[in-house]
Amino acid sequence: MTDLQWRLVGRLGAWLIQAIFSTIRIRFNGATPDRRRHGDGPGQYIAAIWHSRILMFSYLYKGWPASILVSRSDDGEIIARILQRQGFETIRGSTNKGGRRALGTLIRRMKAGGSAVIIPDGPQGPRFRVQPGIILLAQKTGVPIYPLSYSAKHAKIFASWDRFMLPRPFTQCAVVYGNPLSVPADADDAEREACRRRLEAELCRITLNADRHVGRITDGCDD
């Protein structure tokens, strides 16, 4: 595709997300990782969101100063163009496979005061399983990880590896914010693995919680 075509993809995708979510009723549960709803600026954070549950948060936090790690795949290009149109900075790469340069860029952005959004089971899964890169990022920067998830009462669930969720217009959604997780600067391999498991369990807990709020059954997370 040409650059013009990619720009049109970004514009159309951002418009579609805005059109759908502007009709949706949203219930919030838990403490937010920023102070947006209180009228202040955002605090520094690392947001952790499952691959299938990212769409709501690209709408809620559009325009906020956060860097988002996006894979270099064709699907990643579509996602990156939409996110850029929504006002986010995108960094192309992965936190765990061949993405040392991308992770280094993200660390520098955060040490300069920025925030980050990580999809810990992306870009290809396994679904609902946290990869270790986000834990290393939190350790290197000293910034806490905030797990986020949401669910929709009526949604299109795609037959993709992540079972991506696209809410239908005018449905009810539940947004759940989890408990923050900090990784000690001196954490060794065993402690990093323990943190990874805690983050995975918390993301699954809030995903189950969000699904229960709207009467949906979660497939793939351990209770």
N, C-alpha and C. Protein backbone atom coordinates (compact mmCIF):
# COMPACT_ATOMS: atom_id res chain seq x y z
N MET A 1 0.83 -1.19 0.00
CA MET A 1 0.00 0.00 0.00
C MET A 1 0.87 1.25 0.00
N THR A 2 0.37 2.31 -0.60
CA THR A 2 1.09 3.57 -0.60
C THR A 2 0.91 4.27 0.74
N ASP A 3 1.75 5.28 0.98
CA ASP A 3 1.63 6.02 2.24
C ASP A 3 0.27 6.70 2.35
N LEU A 4 -0.24 7.21 1.23
CA LEU A 4 -1.56 7.84 1.24
C LEU A 4 -2.63 6.83 1.65
N GLN A 5 -2.55 5.62 1.13
CA GLN A 5 -3.53 4.59 1.48
C GLN A 5 -3.44 4.23 2.97
N TRP A 6 -2.21 4.15 3.48
CA TRP A 6 -2.05 3.86 4.92
C TRP A 6 -2.64 4.98 5.76
N ARG A 7 -2.44 6.22 5.33
CA ARG A 7 -3.01 7.34 6.08
C ARG A 7 -4.53 7.29 6.09
N LEU A 8 -5.11 6.87 4.97
CA LEU A 8 -6.57 6.73 4.90
C LEU A 8 -7.05 5.61 5.82
N VAL A 9 -6.27 4.53 5.91
CA VAL A 9 -6.60 3.44 6.83
C VAL A 9 -6.63 3.96 8.27
N GLY A 10 -5.62 4.74 8.65
CA GLY A 10 -5.58 5.30 9.98
C GLY A 10 -6.75 6.22 10.26
N ARG A 11 -7.06 7.07 9.29
CA ARG A 11 -8.17 8.02 9.46
C ARG A 11 -9.50 7.28 9.60
N LEU A 12 -9.73 6.29 8.73
CA LEU A 12 -10.99 5.53 8.76
C LEU A 12 -11.12 4.73 10.05
N GLY A 13 -10.02 4.08 10.47
CA GLY A 13 -10.06 3.29 11.68
C GLY A 13 -10.34 4.14 12.91
N ALA A 14 -9.68 5.29 13.03
CA ALA A 14 -9.91 6.17 14.17
C ALA A 14 -11.34 6.70 14.17
N TRP A 15 -11.87 7.01 12.99
CA TRP A 15 -13.25 7.49 12.89
C TRP A 15 -14.23 6.41 13.31
N LEU A 16 -13.97 5.16 12.90
CA LEU A 16 -14.87 4.06 13.24
C LEU A 16 -14.89 3.81 14.75
N ILE A 17 -13.73 3.83 15.38
CA ILE A 17 -13.65 3.64 16.83
C ILE A 17 -14.43 4.74 17.55
N GLN A 18 -14.23 5.99 17.12
CA GLN A 18 -14.94 7.12 17.72
C GLN A 18 -16.45 6.96 17.55
N ALA A 19 -16.87 6.56 16.36
CA ALA A 19 -18.30 6.43 16.08
C ALA A 19 -18.94 5.35 16.94
N ILE A 20 -18.27 4.22 17.10
CA ILE A 20 -18.83 3.11 17.88
C ILE A 20 -18.87 3.47 19.36
N PHE A 21 -17.73 3.90 19.91
CA PHE A 21 -17.64 4.08 21.35
C PHE A 21 -18.40 5.31 21.85
N SER A 22 -18.68 6.25 20.98
CA SER A 22 -19.46 7.41 21.42
C SER A 22 -20.92 7.03 21.70
N THR A 23 -21.35 5.83 21.26
CA THR A 23 -22.72 5.38 21.50
C THR A 23 -22.82 4.44 22.70
N ILE A 24 -21.68 4.06 23.27
CA ILE A 24 -21.65 2.99 24.26
C ILE A 24 -21.76 3.53 25.69
N ARG A 25 -22.45 2.80 26.54
CA ARG A 25 -22.55 3.12 27.97
C ARG A 25 -21.42 2.38 28.68
N ILE A 26 -20.63 3.10 29.45
CA ILE A 26 -19.44 2.52 30.07
C ILE A 26 -19.54 2.63 31.59
N ARG A 27 -19.30 1.51 32.27
CA ARG A 27 -19.22 1.48 33.73
C ARG A 27 -17.77 1.26 34.13
N PHE A 28 -17.26 2.09 35.04
CA PHE A 28 -15.87 2.00 35.48
C PHE A 28 -15.80 1.34 36.85
N ASN A 29 -14.73 0.55 37.04
CA ASN A 29 -14.51 -0.11 38.31
C ASN A 29 -13.03 -0.12 38.63
N GLY A 30 -12.66 0.37 39.82
CA GLY A 30 -11.25 0.37 40.23
C GLY A 30 -10.61 1.73 40.04
N ALA A 31 -9.38 1.86 40.54
CA ALA A 31 -8.63 3.12 40.48
C ALA A 31 -7.92 3.26 39.14
N THR A 32 -8.08 4.39 38.50
CA THR A 32 -7.47 4.62 37.20
C THR A 32 -5.97 4.85 37.35
N PRO A 33 -5.18 4.54 36.30
CA PRO A 33 -3.74 4.78 36.36
C PRO A 33 -3.35 6.22 36.10
N ASP A 34 -4.31 7.09 35.94
CA ASP A 34 -4.04 8.51 35.74
C ASP A 34 -5.15 9.29 36.44
N ARG A 35 -5.09 10.59 36.38
CA ARG A 35 -6.07 11.41 37.07
C ARG A 35 -6.99 12.13 36.08
N ARG A 36 -7.18 11.54 34.93
CA ARG A 36 -7.97 12.19 33.89
C ARG A 36 -9.38 12.52 34.34
N ARG A 37 -10.02 11.59 35.03
CA ARG A 37 -11.42 11.78 35.40
C ARG A 37 -11.58 12.80 36.52
N HIS A 38 -10.46 13.24 37.09
CA HIS A 38 -10.51 14.28 38.12
C HIS A 38 -10.09 15.64 37.58
N GLY A 39 -9.84 15.71 36.27
CA GLY A 39 -9.53 16.98 35.64
C GLY A 39 -8.07 17.35 35.66
N ASP A 40 -7.20 16.47 36.20
CA ASP A 40 -5.77 16.76 36.24
C ASP A 40 -5.07 16.06 35.07
N GLY A 41 -3.76 16.28 34.97
CA GLY A 41 -2.99 15.60 33.95
C GLY A 41 -2.71 14.16 34.33
N PRO A 42 -2.24 13.35 33.40
CA PRO A 42 -1.99 11.95 33.67
C PRO A 42 -0.73 11.76 34.51
N GLY A 43 -0.76 10.78 35.41
CA GLY A 43 0.44 10.38 36.11
C GLY A 43 1.27 9.45 35.23
N GLN A 44 2.51 9.22 35.60
CA GLN A 44 3.36 8.33 34.81
C GLN A 44 3.01 6.88 35.14
N TYR A 45 2.89 6.06 34.12
CA TYR A 45 2.47 4.68 34.33
C TYR A 45 2.85 3.82 33.12
N ILE A 46 2.84 2.51 33.35
CA ILE A 46 2.91 1.52 32.27
C ILE A 46 1.57 0.81 32.28
N ALA A 47 0.77 1.00 31.26
CA ALA A 47 -0.52 0.33 31.17
C ALA A 47 -0.33 -1.03 30.50
N ALA A 48 -0.88 -2.08 31.12
CA ALA A 48 -0.82 -3.43 30.57
C ALA A 48 -2.22 -3.85 30.15
N ILE A 49 -2.39 -4.15 28.86
CA ILE A 49 -3.71 -4.45 28.32
C ILE A 49 -3.59 -5.66 27.40
N TRP A 50 -4.47 -6.65 27.56
CA TRP A 50 -4.46 -7.79 26.65
C TRP A 50 -4.69 -7.35 25.21
N HIS A 51 -4.12 -8.09 24.28
CA HIS A 51 -4.23 -7.78 22.84
C HIS A 51 -5.69 -7.64 22.40
N SER A 52 -6.55 -8.51 22.90
CA SER A 52 -7.95 -8.52 22.47
C SER A 52 -8.77 -7.41 23.10
N ARG A 53 -8.23 -6.73 24.12
CA ARG A 53 -9.02 -5.76 24.88
C ARG A 53 -8.44 -4.34 24.80
N ILE A 54 -7.73 -4.03 23.73
CA ILE A 54 -7.05 -2.73 23.61
C ILE A 54 -7.97 -1.62 23.10
N LEU A 55 -9.03 -1.97 22.37
CA LEU A 55 -9.77 -0.98 21.60
C LEU A 55 -10.41 0.10 22.48
N MET A 56 -11.00 -0.30 23.57
CA MET A 56 -11.65 0.67 24.46
C MET A 56 -10.68 1.74 24.95
N PHE A 57 -9.46 1.32 25.28
CA PHE A 57 -8.52 2.25 25.89
C PHE A 57 -7.89 3.19 24.87
N SER A 58 -7.84 2.77 23.61
CA SER A 58 -7.39 3.71 22.58
C SER A 58 -8.40 4.84 22.42
N TYR A 59 -9.66 4.54 22.72
CA TYR A 59 -10.70 5.57 22.68
C TYR A 59 -10.68 6.44 23.93
N LEU A 60 -10.61 5.81 25.11
CA LEU A 60 -10.67 6.56 26.37
C LEU A 60 -9.48 7.49 26.55
N TYR A 61 -8.31 7.07 26.08
CA TYR A 61 -7.09 7.82 26.35
C TYR A 61 -6.48 8.46 25.11
N LYS A 62 -7.27 8.62 24.08
CA LYS A 62 -6.75 9.22 22.85
C LYS A 62 -6.19 10.62 23.14
N GLY A 63 -5.04 10.90 22.55
CA GLY A 63 -4.42 12.20 22.72
C GLY A 63 -3.53 12.33 23.93
N TRP A 64 -3.46 11.30 24.77
CA TRP A 64 -2.64 11.39 25.97
C TRP A 64 -1.20 11.02 25.66
N PRO A 65 -0.24 11.62 26.40
CA PRO A 65 1.18 11.45 26.08
C PRO A 65 1.73 10.09 26.51
N ALA A 66 1.41 9.07 25.75
CA ALA A 66 1.90 7.72 26.04
C ALA A 66 2.48 7.12 24.77
N SER A 67 3.54 6.34 24.93
CA SER A 67 4.16 5.61 23.82
C SER A 67 3.65 4.18 23.84
N ILE A 68 3.27 3.68 22.68
CA ILE A 68 2.70 2.34 22.58
C ILE A 68 3.59 1.48 21.70
N LEU A 69 3.97 0.32 22.22
CA LEU A 69 4.80 -0.61 21.47
C LEU A 69 3.91 -1.41 20.53
N VAL A 70 4.20 -1.36 19.23
CA VAL A 70 3.38 -2.03 18.21
C VAL A 70 4.30 -2.88 17.34
N SER A 71 3.87 -4.09 17.03
CA SER A 71 4.70 -5.00 16.25
C SER A 71 4.91 -4.47 14.82
N ARG A 72 5.91 -5.04 14.15
CA ARG A 72 6.24 -4.64 12.78
C ARG A 72 5.47 -5.43 11.72
N SER A 73 4.49 -6.20 12.12
CA SER A 73 3.68 -6.98 11.18
C SER A 73 2.74 -6.08 10.39
N ASP A 74 2.08 -6.65 9.37
CA ASP A 74 1.10 -5.89 8.60
C ASP A 74 -0.07 -5.45 9.48
N ASP A 75 -0.51 -6.35 10.37
CA ASP A 75 -1.57 -5.98 11.30
C ASP A 75 -1.10 -4.84 12.21
N GLY A 76 0.19 -4.93 12.60
CA GLY A 76 0.76 -3.88 13.44
C GLY A 76 0.77 -2.53 12.74
N GLU A 77 0.97 -2.54 11.42
CA GLU A 77 0.96 -1.29 10.66
C GLU A 77 -0.42 -0.64 10.70
N ILE A 78 -1.46 -1.44 10.58
CA ILE A 78 -2.82 -0.92 10.67
C ILE A 78 -3.06 -0.31 12.04
N ILE A 79 -2.69 -1.06 13.08
CA ILE A 79 -2.87 -0.58 14.45
C ILE A 79 -2.09 0.71 14.69
N ALA A 80 -0.84 0.73 14.20
CA ALA A 80 0.01 1.91 14.40
C ALA A 80 -0.60 3.14 13.74
N ARG A 81 -1.12 3.00 12.54
CA ARG A 81 -1.70 4.15 11.83
C ARG A 81 -2.92 4.70 12.57
N ILE A 82 -3.73 3.79 13.11
CA ILE A 82 -4.91 4.24 13.86
C ILE A 82 -4.49 4.95 15.14
N LEU A 83 -3.55 4.35 15.87
CA LEU A 83 -3.09 4.95 17.12
C LEU A 83 -2.45 6.31 16.89
N GLN A 84 -1.68 6.43 15.82
CA GLN A 84 -1.06 7.72 15.50
C GLN A 84 -2.13 8.76 15.22
N ARG A 85 -3.18 8.35 14.54
CA ARG A 85 -4.28 9.27 14.24
C ARG A 85 -4.98 9.70 15.53
N GLN A 86 -4.97 8.83 16.54
CA GLN A 86 -5.59 9.15 17.82
C GLN A 86 -4.68 9.97 18.72
N GLY A 87 -3.46 10.25 18.27
CA GLY A 87 -2.58 11.12 19.01
C GLY A 87 -1.51 10.44 19.83
N PHE A 88 -1.36 9.12 19.70
CA PHE A 88 -0.33 8.40 20.44
C PHE A 88 0.97 8.35 19.65
N GLU A 89 2.08 8.19 20.38
CA GLU A 89 3.35 7.87 19.74
C GLU A 89 3.47 6.35 19.66
N THR A 90 3.81 5.82 18.50
CA THR A 90 4.00 4.38 18.37
C THR A 90 5.48 4.07 18.18
N ILE A 91 5.92 3.03 18.86
CA ILE A 91 7.28 2.52 18.72
C ILE A 91 7.16 1.10 18.18
N ARG A 92 7.79 0.84 17.05
CA ARG A 92 7.61 -0.43 16.38
C ARG A 92 8.61 -1.46 16.88
N GLY A 93 8.09 -2.61 17.28
CA GLY A 93 8.93 -3.68 17.76
C GLY A 93 8.21 -4.51 18.79
N SER A 94 8.94 -5.35 19.50
CA SER A 94 8.40 -6.23 20.53
C SER A 94 9.31 -6.16 21.74
N THR A 95 8.73 -6.34 22.92
CA THR A 95 9.54 -6.27 24.13
C THR A 95 10.30 -7.56 24.41
N ASN A 96 10.02 -8.64 23.67
CA ASN A 96 10.65 -9.91 24.02
C ASN A 96 11.32 -10.63 22.86
N LYS A 97 11.05 -10.26 21.60
CA LYS A 97 11.63 -10.95 20.46
C LYS A 97 12.17 -9.94 19.46
N GLY A 98 13.50 -9.84 19.43
CA GLY A 98 14.12 -8.95 18.45
C GLY A 98 13.79 -7.49 18.62
N GLY A 99 13.42 -7.09 19.83
CA GLY A 99 12.99 -5.71 20.01
C GLY A 99 13.84 -4.92 20.99
N ARG A 100 15.13 -5.23 21.08
CA ARG A 100 15.98 -4.51 22.03
C ARG A 100 16.02 -3.02 21.74
N ARG A 101 16.08 -2.66 20.46
CA ARG A 101 16.13 -1.25 20.11
C ARG A 101 14.82 -0.56 20.49
N ALA A 102 13.69 -1.24 20.21
CA ALA A 102 12.39 -0.66 20.55
C ALA A 102 12.25 -0.50 22.06
N LEU A 103 12.69 -1.51 22.82
CA LEU A 103 12.61 -1.43 24.26
C LEU A 103 13.51 -0.31 24.80
N GLY A 104 14.68 -0.18 24.22
CA GLY A 104 15.59 0.89 24.63
C GLY A 104 14.99 2.26 24.37
N THR A 105 14.33 2.43 23.23
CA THR A 105 13.67 3.70 22.92
C THR A 105 12.57 3.99 23.93
N LEU A 106 11.81 2.96 24.28
CA LEU A 106 10.73 3.13 25.24
C LEU A 106 11.27 3.50 26.62
N ILE A 107 12.35 2.89 27.03
CA ILE A 107 12.97 3.22 28.32
C ILE A 107 13.42 4.68 28.34
N ARG A 108 14.02 5.13 27.24
CA ARG A 108 14.45 6.54 27.18
C ARG A 108 13.26 7.48 27.25
N ARG A 109 12.18 7.17 26.58
CA ARG A 109 10.98 8.01 26.64
C ARG A 109 10.45 8.09 28.07
N MET A 110 10.48 6.98 28.77
CA MET A 110 9.93 6.95 30.12
C MET A 110 10.86 7.65 31.11
N LYS A 111 12.15 7.53 30.93
CA LYS A 111 13.07 8.23 31.82
C LYS A 111 12.99 9.74 31.62
N ALA A 112 12.45 10.15 30.47
CA ALA A 112 12.22 11.57 30.22
C ALA A 112 10.86 12.03 30.75
N GLY A 113 10.12 11.10 31.39
CA GLY A 113 8.86 11.48 32.01
C GLY A 113 7.62 10.95 31.33
N GLY A 114 7.77 10.18 30.26
CA GLY A 114 6.62 9.68 29.53
C GLY A 114 6.01 8.44 30.15
N SER A 115 4.88 8.02 29.61
CA SER A 115 4.21 6.79 30.01
C SER A 115 4.20 5.82 28.84
N ALA A 116 3.81 4.58 29.11
CA ALA A 116 3.85 3.55 28.08
C ALA A 116 2.61 2.67 28.15
N VAL A 117 2.26 2.11 27.01
CA VAL A 117 1.21 1.10 26.93
C VAL A 117 1.83 -0.15 26.31
N ILE A 118 1.71 -1.28 27.01
CA ILE A 118 2.27 -2.53 26.55
C ILE A 118 1.16 -3.57 26.42
N ILE A 119 1.19 -4.33 25.34
CA ILE A 119 0.27 -5.45 25.15
C ILE A 119 1.07 -6.71 25.48
N PRO A 120 0.96 -7.21 26.71
CA PRO A 120 1.91 -8.23 27.17
C PRO A 120 1.74 -9.62 26.58
N ASP A 121 0.62 -9.88 25.89
CA ASP A 121 0.49 -11.17 25.22
C ASP A 121 0.65 -11.03 23.70
N GLY A 122 1.06 -9.85 23.23
CA GLY A 122 1.25 -9.64 21.80
C GLY A 122 2.70 -9.86 21.39
N PRO A 123 2.96 -9.86 20.08
CA PRO A 123 1.97 -9.66 19.02
C PRO A 123 1.30 -10.93 18.53
N GLN A 124 1.76 -12.11 18.98
CA GLN A 124 1.20 -13.36 18.46
C GLN A 124 0.86 -14.36 19.56
N GLY A 125 0.81 -13.92 20.79
CA GLY A 125 0.42 -14.81 21.86
C GLY A 125 1.59 -15.54 22.51
N PRO A 126 1.29 -16.53 23.33
CA PRO A 126 -0.02 -17.11 23.59
C PRO A 126 -1.00 -16.11 24.24
N ARG A 127 -2.26 -16.32 23.93
CA ARG A 127 -3.32 -15.46 24.43
C ARG A 127 -3.38 -15.50 25.95
N PHE A 128 -3.54 -14.32 26.55
CA PHE A 128 -3.66 -14.16 28.00
C PHE A 128 -2.44 -14.70 28.76
N ARG A 129 -1.28 -14.61 28.15
CA ARG A 129 -0.04 -15.01 28.82
C ARG A 129 0.95 -13.87 28.73
N VAL A 130 1.40 -13.37 29.87
CA VAL A 130 2.29 -12.22 29.92
C VAL A 130 3.70 -12.63 29.51
N GLN A 131 4.27 -11.89 28.54
CA GLN A 131 5.66 -12.07 28.15
C GLN A 131 6.54 -11.22 29.07
N PRO A 132 7.83 -11.56 29.22
CA PRO A 132 8.65 -10.93 30.26
C PRO A 132 9.09 -9.50 30.00
N GLY A 133 8.94 -9.01 28.77
CA GLY A 133 9.47 -7.68 28.46
C GLY A 133 8.90 -6.56 29.31
N ILE A 134 7.62 -6.62 29.62
CA ILE A 134 6.99 -5.55 30.41
C ILE A 134 7.56 -5.50 31.82
N ILE A 135 7.93 -6.65 32.36
CA ILE A 135 8.52 -6.69 33.70
C ILE A 135 9.89 -6.03 33.69
N LEU A 136 10.68 -6.30 32.67
CA LEU A 136 11.99 -5.67 32.54
C LEU A 136 11.86 -4.16 32.39
N LEU A 137 10.88 -3.72 31.62
CA LEU A 137 10.64 -2.29 31.43
C LEU A 137 10.34 -1.61 32.76
N ALA A 138 9.47 -2.22 33.56
CA ALA A 138 9.12 -1.65 34.86
C ALA A 138 10.33 -1.63 35.79
N GLN A 139 11.15 -2.65 35.73
CA GLN A 139 12.35 -2.70 36.57
C GLN A 139 13.33 -1.61 36.18
N LYS A 140 13.55 -1.42 34.89
CA LYS A 140 14.54 -0.45 34.42
C LYS A 140 14.11 0.99 34.65
N THR A 141 12.80 1.25 34.65
CA THR A 141 12.31 2.63 34.76
C THR A 141 11.80 2.99 36.15
N GLY A 142 11.47 1.99 36.96
CA GLY A 142 10.89 2.27 38.28
C GLY A 142 9.45 2.74 38.23
N VAL A 143 8.79 2.59 37.08
CA VAL A 143 7.41 3.03 36.91
C VAL A 143 6.47 1.84 37.14
N PRO A 144 5.40 2.01 37.91
CA PRO A 144 4.49 0.89 38.18
C PRO A 144 3.67 0.48 36.96
N ILE A 145 3.30 -0.79 36.95
CA ILE A 145 2.44 -1.34 35.91
C ILE A 145 1.00 -1.31 36.40
N TYR A 146 0.10 -0.80 35.55
CA TYR A 146 -1.32 -0.78 35.87
C TYR A 146 -2.07 -1.70 34.90
N PRO A 147 -2.64 -2.80 35.39
CA PRO A 147 -3.42 -3.68 34.51
C PRO A 147 -4.78 -3.05 34.20
N LEU A 148 -5.20 -3.14 32.94
CA LEU A 148 -6.49 -2.61 32.49
C LEU A 148 -7.18 -3.67 31.64
N SER A 149 -8.51 -3.73 31.77
CA SER A 149 -9.26 -4.62 30.89
C SER A 149 -10.68 -4.10 30.75
N TYR A 150 -11.40 -4.63 29.78
CA TYR A 150 -12.79 -4.23 29.60
C TYR A 150 -13.54 -5.37 28.92
N SER A 151 -14.86 -5.27 28.92
CA SER A 151 -15.69 -6.23 28.20
C SER A 151 -16.94 -5.53 27.69
N ALA A 152 -17.59 -6.16 26.73
CA ALA A 152 -18.80 -5.60 26.14
C ALA A 152 -19.91 -6.65 26.16
N LYS A 153 -21.12 -6.22 26.49
CA LYS A 153 -22.25 -7.15 26.54
C LYS A 153 -22.53 -7.75 25.18
N HIS A 154 -22.52 -6.91 24.15
CA HIS A 154 -22.73 -7.40 22.78
C HIS A 154 -21.52 -7.00 21.94
N ALA A 155 -20.87 -7.97 21.34
CA ALA A 155 -19.63 -7.69 20.60
C ALA A 155 -19.41 -8.73 19.52
N LYS A 156 -18.67 -8.32 18.51
CA LYS A 156 -18.16 -9.25 17.52
C LYS A 156 -16.84 -9.80 18.03
N ILE A 157 -16.72 -11.12 18.15
CA ILE A 157 -15.48 -11.77 18.57
C ILE A 157 -14.86 -12.41 17.34
N PHE A 158 -13.70 -11.93 16.94
CA PHE A 158 -13.07 -12.40 15.72
C PHE A 158 -12.41 -13.77 15.94
N ALA A 159 -12.30 -14.53 14.87
CA ALA A 159 -11.68 -15.86 14.91
C ALA A 159 -10.17 -15.73 14.73
N SER A 160 -9.55 -14.85 15.51
CA SER A 160 -8.10 -14.64 15.47
C SER A 160 -7.49 -15.31 16.69
N TRP A 161 -6.15 -15.36 16.74
CA TRP A 161 -5.49 -16.03 17.86
C TRP A 161 -5.87 -15.43 19.20
N ASP A 162 -6.15 -14.11 19.22
CA ASP A 162 -6.47 -13.44 20.48
C ASP A 162 -7.96 -13.33 20.75
N ARG A 163 -8.79 -13.74 19.78
CA ARG A 163 -10.26 -13.57 19.87
C ARG A 163 -10.59 -12.11 20.15
N PHE A 164 -10.16 -11.25 19.23
CA PHE A 164 -10.29 -9.80 19.38
C PHE A 164 -11.75 -9.39 19.54
N MET A 165 -11.99 -8.47 20.45
CA MET A 165 -13.34 -8.02 20.78
C MET A 165 -13.64 -6.67 20.14
N LEU A 166 -14.71 -6.59 19.35
CA LEU A 166 -15.20 -5.34 18.77
C LEU A 166 -16.61 -5.11 19.27
N PRO A 167 -16.82 -4.19 20.22
CA PRO A 167 -18.17 -3.93 20.74
C PRO A 167 -19.12 -3.46 19.65
N ARG A 168 -20.37 -3.85 19.79
CA ARG A 168 -21.39 -3.38 18.87
C ARG A 168 -21.92 -2.02 19.36
N PRO A 169 -22.36 -1.18 18.43
CA PRO A 169 -22.87 0.14 18.85
C PRO A 169 -24.00 0.02 19.86
N PHE A 170 -24.06 0.97 20.77
CA PHE A 170 -25.12 1.12 21.76
C PHE A 170 -25.15 0.01 22.82
N THR A 171 -24.08 -0.78 22.91
CA THR A 171 -24.05 -1.81 23.93
C THR A 171 -23.55 -1.26 25.25
N GLN A 172 -23.50 -2.11 26.26
CA GLN A 172 -22.98 -1.75 27.58
C GLN A 172 -21.58 -2.33 27.75
N CYS A 173 -20.65 -1.55 28.26
CA CYS A 173 -19.28 -2.01 28.49
C CYS A 173 -18.89 -1.81 29.95
N ALA A 174 -18.02 -2.67 30.43
CA ALA A 174 -17.45 -2.56 31.77
C ALA A 174 -15.95 -2.41 31.65
N VAL A 175 -15.40 -1.35 32.27
CA VAL A 175 -13.96 -1.12 32.31
C VAL A 175 -13.48 -1.39 33.72
N VAL A 176 -12.45 -2.23 33.86
CA VAL A 176 -11.94 -2.58 35.18
C VAL A 176 -10.44 -2.27 35.24
N TYR A 177 -10.05 -1.51 36.26
CA TYR A 177 -8.65 -1.18 36.51
C TYR A 177 -8.13 -2.06 37.64
N GLY A 178 -7.00 -2.71 37.42
CA GLY A 178 -6.45 -3.61 38.42
C GLY A 178 -5.52 -2.93 39.39
N ASN A 179 -5.00 -3.71 40.32
CA ASN A 179 -4.04 -3.22 41.30
C ASN A 179 -2.67 -3.02 40.66
N PRO A 180 -2.00 -1.90 40.94
CA PRO A 180 -0.69 -1.65 40.33
C PRO A 180 0.36 -2.62 40.85
N LEU A 181 1.37 -2.84 40.03
CA LEU A 181 2.47 -3.74 40.36
C LEU A 181 3.79 -3.02 40.12
N SER A 182 4.65 -2.99 41.13
CA SER A 182 5.98 -2.40 40.99
C SER A 182 7.02 -3.52 41.00
N VAL A 183 8.06 -3.35 40.20
CA VAL A 183 9.13 -4.34 40.11
C VAL A 183 10.38 -3.73 40.75
N PRO A 184 10.95 -4.36 41.79
CA PRO A 184 12.14 -3.81 42.44
C PRO A 184 13.31 -3.65 41.47
N ALA A 185 14.08 -2.59 41.65
CA ALA A 185 15.22 -2.33 40.78
C ALA A 185 16.27 -3.43 40.86
N ASP A 186 16.34 -4.11 42.01
CA ASP A 186 17.35 -5.16 42.19
C ASP A 186 16.78 -6.57 42.02
N ALA A 187 15.62 -6.68 41.38
CA ALA A 187 14.98 -7.99 41.21
C ALA A 187 15.86 -8.93 40.39
N ASP A 188 15.97 -10.18 40.84
CA ASP A 188 16.70 -11.19 40.09
C ASP A 188 15.72 -11.96 39.20
N ASP A 189 16.21 -12.99 38.51
CA ASP A 189 15.36 -13.74 37.59
C ASP A 189 14.13 -14.32 38.28
N ALA A 190 14.33 -14.87 39.47
CA ALA A 190 13.21 -15.49 40.18
C ALA A 190 12.16 -14.46 40.56
N GLU A 191 12.60 -13.28 41.01
CA GLU A 191 11.64 -12.25 41.41
C GLU A 191 10.93 -11.66 40.20
N ARG A 192 11.64 -11.52 39.09
CA ARG A 192 10.98 -11.05 37.87
C ARG A 192 9.92 -12.04 37.41
N GLU A 193 10.20 -13.32 37.50
CA GLU A 193 9.22 -14.33 37.12
C GLU A 193 8.01 -14.29 38.06
N ALA A 194 8.26 -14.07 39.34
CA ALA A 194 7.15 -13.95 40.28
C ALA A 194 6.28 -12.74 39.94
N CYS A 195 6.91 -11.63 39.57
CA CYS A 195 6.16 -10.43 39.16
C CYS A 195 5.38 -10.69 37.88
N ARG A 196 5.98 -11.40 36.96
CA ARG A 196 5.29 -11.73 35.71
C ARG A 196 4.03 -12.55 35.99
N ARG A 197 4.15 -13.52 36.88
CA ARG A 197 2.99 -14.34 37.23
C ARG A 197 1.92 -13.53 37.94
N ARG A 198 2.33 -12.61 38.82
CA ARG A 198 1.35 -11.78 39.52
C ARG A 198 0.60 -10.87 38.54
N LEU A 199 1.33 -10.31 37.58
CA LEU A 199 0.68 -9.47 36.58
C LEU A 199 -0.30 -10.27 35.74
N GLU A 200 0.10 -11.46 35.33
CA GLU A 200 -0.78 -12.31 34.53
C GLU A 200 -2.05 -12.66 35.30
N ALA A 201 -1.88 -13.01 36.58
CA ALA A 201 -3.04 -13.35 37.40
C ALA A 201 -3.97 -12.15 37.59
N GLU A 202 -3.39 -10.95 37.76
CA GLU A 202 -4.22 -9.76 37.95
C GLU A 202 -4.95 -9.38 36.67
N LEU A 203 -4.29 -9.49 35.53
CA LEU A 203 -4.96 -9.21 34.26
C LEU A 203 -6.09 -10.20 34.01
N CYS A 204 -5.88 -11.46 34.35
CA CYS A 204 -6.95 -12.44 34.20
C CYS A 204 -8.09 -12.15 35.17
N ARG A 205 -7.75 -11.75 36.39
CA ARG A 205 -8.79 -11.45 37.38
C ARG A 205 -9.69 -10.32 36.92
N ILE A 206 -9.11 -9.24 36.43
CA ILE A 206 -9.94 -8.10 36.04
C ILE A 206 -10.68 -8.36 34.73
N THR A 207 -10.11 -9.21 33.87
CA THR A 207 -10.82 -9.59 32.64
C THR A 207 -12.05 -10.43 32.98
N LEU A 208 -11.88 -11.38 33.89
CA LEU A 208 -13.02 -12.17 34.37
C LEU A 208 -14.06 -11.25 35.01
N ASN A 209 -13.61 -10.28 35.79
CA ASN A 209 -14.50 -9.34 36.46
C ASN A 209 -15.29 -8.52 35.43
N ALA A 210 -14.58 -8.00 34.42
CA ALA A 210 -15.25 -7.21 33.39
C ALA A 210 -16.28 -8.05 32.64
N ASP A 211 -15.91 -9.29 32.30
CA ASP A 211 -16.85 -10.16 31.59
C ASP A 211 -18.08 -10.47 32.43
N ARG A 212 -17.88 -10.69 33.71
CA ARG A 212 -19.02 -11.00 34.58
C ARG A 212 -19.96 -9.80 34.70
N HIS A 213 -19.41 -8.59 34.69
CA HIS A 213 -20.25 -7.38 34.77
C HIS A 213 -21.26 -7.32 33.64
N VAL A 214 -20.89 -7.84 32.47
CA VAL A 214 -21.78 -7.75 31.31
C VAL A 214 -22.39 -9.10 30.93
N GLY A 215 -22.17 -10.11 31.76
CA GLY A 215 -22.78 -11.42 31.52
C GLY A 215 -22.09 -12.26 30.47
N ARG A 216 -20.79 -12.05 30.32
CA ARG A 216 -20.02 -12.80 29.33
C ARG A 216 -19.12 -13.82 30.04
N ILE A 217 -18.90 -14.96 29.41
CA ILE A 217 -18.01 -15.99 29.96
C ILE A 217 -16.63 -15.85 29.35
N THR A 218 -15.60 -15.82 30.20
CA THR A 218 -14.22 -15.68 29.73
C THR A 218 -13.68 -17.04 29.34
N ASP A 219 -13.09 -17.10 28.14
CA ASP A 219 -12.46 -18.32 27.67
C ASP A 219 -10.96 -18.08 27.56
N GLY A 220 -10.16 -18.78 28.39
CA GLY A 220 -8.71 -18.69 28.24
C GLY A 220 -7.96 -18.17 29.43
N CYS A 221 -8.68 -17.56 30.39
CA CYS A 221 -8.04 -17.07 31.62
C CYS A 221 -8.34 -18.06 32.74
N ASP A 222 -7.34 -18.32 33.55
CA ASP A 222 -7.55 -19.14 34.74
C ASP A 222 -8.20 -18.30 35.82
N ASP A 223 -9.19 -18.84 36.47
CA ASP A 223 -9.88 -18.11 37.54
C ASP A 223 -9.06 -18.15 38.83
